[in-house]
């Protein structure tokens, strides 16, 4: 933990000429960005579905970082010496303070209380952003599943694994993608999960209300990064798909 406190303190000193008392808070944000940059290859692999474990690794690897952040701004001493980070602030609120302590200092709309309200508001905006995109993604997945189910020929029962129709002009022995039939019950479950799961992102608000302000800043930064990262990866995926379709269309025109 002493290594972490030293790193954040040094980053804060670099930013202090510009940000004054809030330099350490900015250093926490910068530190979080560096952590997420290091984890970006894993996040990219998780988005592509490379391995089942890939989706869990970015979250699991962040837990020790969050724990160290929590401890660093909760301990009066680090390495037998006074914890210098506890004296730093984000505007009027000490980075080691909690919301309950801020309420005791000046109430909900006191100087420290307003800092926490600003943090909660920013987290709520990110959570709402994540929830909206999550519901859209779930709706698209449910619609695709329903379309695949409707495409299954009536009266033939469920499609056998690996069974598919050959495309016109395909070589003998070539297989097309199998049509998977999704029951009405499965579609209803997908619809319900699509409405509930995105709301879990608001759980970050509860955590931010009970941890030190510095840990709340970490949560805000890493959550915002996760949402923005997924939007960027989805954009790149859709752009690649459009490029592939355009290339296929050009080949068809040339063949004609």
Foldseek 3Di string as FASTA:
>chain_A
DVVVLVQLVVQLVVCCVPVPLCSSLVSLLVVLVVLVVVLLVLVLCVLVCVDPCSVVVSVVVCVVVLVVLQCLLQDQDDPNHGRPQQVGDNFPHGQSDFLVVVCVVPHCPDRRNVVLVVLLVLLVVLLVLQLVVLLVVLVVVLVVQVVLQVPPDPPPPFWDVQDDDDDPPDDPPDGDDDRGHDDPVRSVVSNVCSNPVSNCSNVLSVVRNGTGNSSSSSSSSNSNCSSVSSVVSVVVVVVVVVVVVVVVVVVVVVVD
